[in-house]
Amino acid sequence: MIEVCPEPEVDVDDSRFSSAHQQRRNACFCYRATLDELLADDVMEPVLRTAGYEPDEFREMMTEMARNLVATRLKLAQQ
């Protein structure tokens, strides 16, 4: 779970919601799904195929991108 919950980037008039509903809504913004959870969603497979990707191919591409980002951050931190 994320220790510091970022504020949503969407302006919503919360005044009409109960405080319990507001807390549930805020909790939704604090949860970051894993790549496996995203790819397991029924909607993702047809979306990926429409974009020209197979789910496994997309997973590999995202994993490689994450590795590159980590390597870049490490290099920048060492400078």
Protein backbone atom coordinates (compact mmCIF):
# COMPACT_ATOMS: atom_id res chain seq x y z
CA MET A 1 0.00 0.00 0.00
CA ILE A 2 1.15 3.53 -0.65
CA GLU A 3 2.25 5.36 2.48
CA VAL A 4 1.44 8.84 1.19
CA CYS A 5 -1.73 8.94 -0.84
CA PRO A 6 -1.49 11.42 -3.71
CA GLU A 7 -4.42 13.70 -4.28
CA PRO A 8 -6.48 12.74 -7.32
CA GLU A 9 -5.91 14.95 -10.35
CA VAL A 10 -9.65 15.28 -10.86
CA ASP A 11 -11.76 18.06 -9.37
CA VAL A 12 -14.90 16.59 -7.83
CA ASP A 13 -17.51 18.33 -5.71
CA ASP A 14 -17.35 16.08 -2.61
CA SER A 15 -19.98 18.06 -0.69
CA ARG A 16 -22.82 15.85 -1.91
CA PHE A 17 -21.15 12.63 -0.74
CA SER A 18 -21.14 11.21 2.78
CA SER A 19 -17.81 11.12 4.59
CA ALA A 20 -17.80 7.29 4.33
CA HIS A 21 -18.21 7.53 0.57
CA GLN A 22 -15.43 10.12 0.39
CA GLN A 23 -13.09 7.81 2.31
CA ARG A 24 -13.88 4.88 -0.02
CA ARG A 25 -13.35 7.15 -3.03
CA ASN A 26 -9.99 8.32 -1.70
CA ALA A 27 -8.95 4.72 -1.00
CA CYS A 28 -9.50 3.90 -4.66
CA PHE A 29 -6.94 6.51 -5.66
CA CYS A 30 -4.38 5.08 -3.22
CA TYR A 31 -4.30 1.58 -4.67
CA ARG A 32 -1.87 0.89 -7.50
CA ALA A 33 -2.68 -2.25 -9.42
CA THR A 34 0.15 -4.54 -10.44
CA LEU A 35 0.87 -5.22 -14.09
CA ASP A 36 -0.49 -8.75 -13.67
CA GLU A 37 -3.72 -7.37 -12.19
CA LEU A 38 -4.11 -4.95 -15.08
CA LEU A 39 -3.46 -7.61 -17.69
CA ALA A 40 -5.90 -10.00 -15.98
CA ASP A 41 -8.73 -7.49 -16.48
CA ASP A 42 -11.20 -8.71 -19.13
CA VAL A 43 -11.09 -5.37 -20.92
CA MET A 44 -7.32 -5.33 -21.42
CA GLU A 45 -6.95 -8.24 -23.84
CA PRO A 46 -9.16 -6.80 -26.59
CA VAL A 47 -7.69 -3.33 -26.02
CA LEU A 48 -4.15 -4.65 -26.37
CA ARG A 49 -5.02 -6.66 -29.45
CA THR A 50 -6.63 -3.61 -31.03
CA ALA A 51 -3.37 -1.75 -30.37
CA GLY A 52 -1.46 -4.61 -32.01
CA TYR A 53 -0.09 -6.31 -28.87
CA GLU A 54 -0.51 -9.73 -27.34
CA PRO A 55 -0.75 -9.62 -23.53
CA ASP A 56 2.56 -11.48 -23.05
CA GLU A 57 4.31 -9.20 -25.53
CA PHE A 58 2.95 -6.14 -23.71
CA ARG A 59 4.07 -7.55 -20.32
CA GLU A 60 7.61 -8.03 -21.67
CA MET A 61 7.65 -4.52 -23.11
CA MET A 62 6.46 -2.96 -19.81
CA THR A 63 8.97 -5.01 -17.79
CA GLU A 64 11.82 -3.88 -20.02
CA MET A 65 10.66 -0.27 -19.78
CA ALA A 66 10.59 -0.52 -15.97
CA ARG A 67 14.13 -1.93 -15.94
CA ASN A 68 15.32 0.93 -18.15
CA LEU A 69 13.67 3.52 -15.89
CA VAL A 70 15.30 2.03 -12.78
CA ALA A 71 18.70 1.94 -14.49
CA THR A 72 18.30 5.58 -15.59
CA ARG A 73 17.33 6.69 -12.08
CA LEU A 74 20.32 4.87 -10.61
CA LYS A 75 22.66 6.56 -13.07
CA LEU A 76 21.18 9.97 -12.30
CA ALA A 77 21.45 9.36 -8.56
CA GLN A 78 25.15 8.54 -8.91
CA GLN A 79 25.96 11.81 -10.71
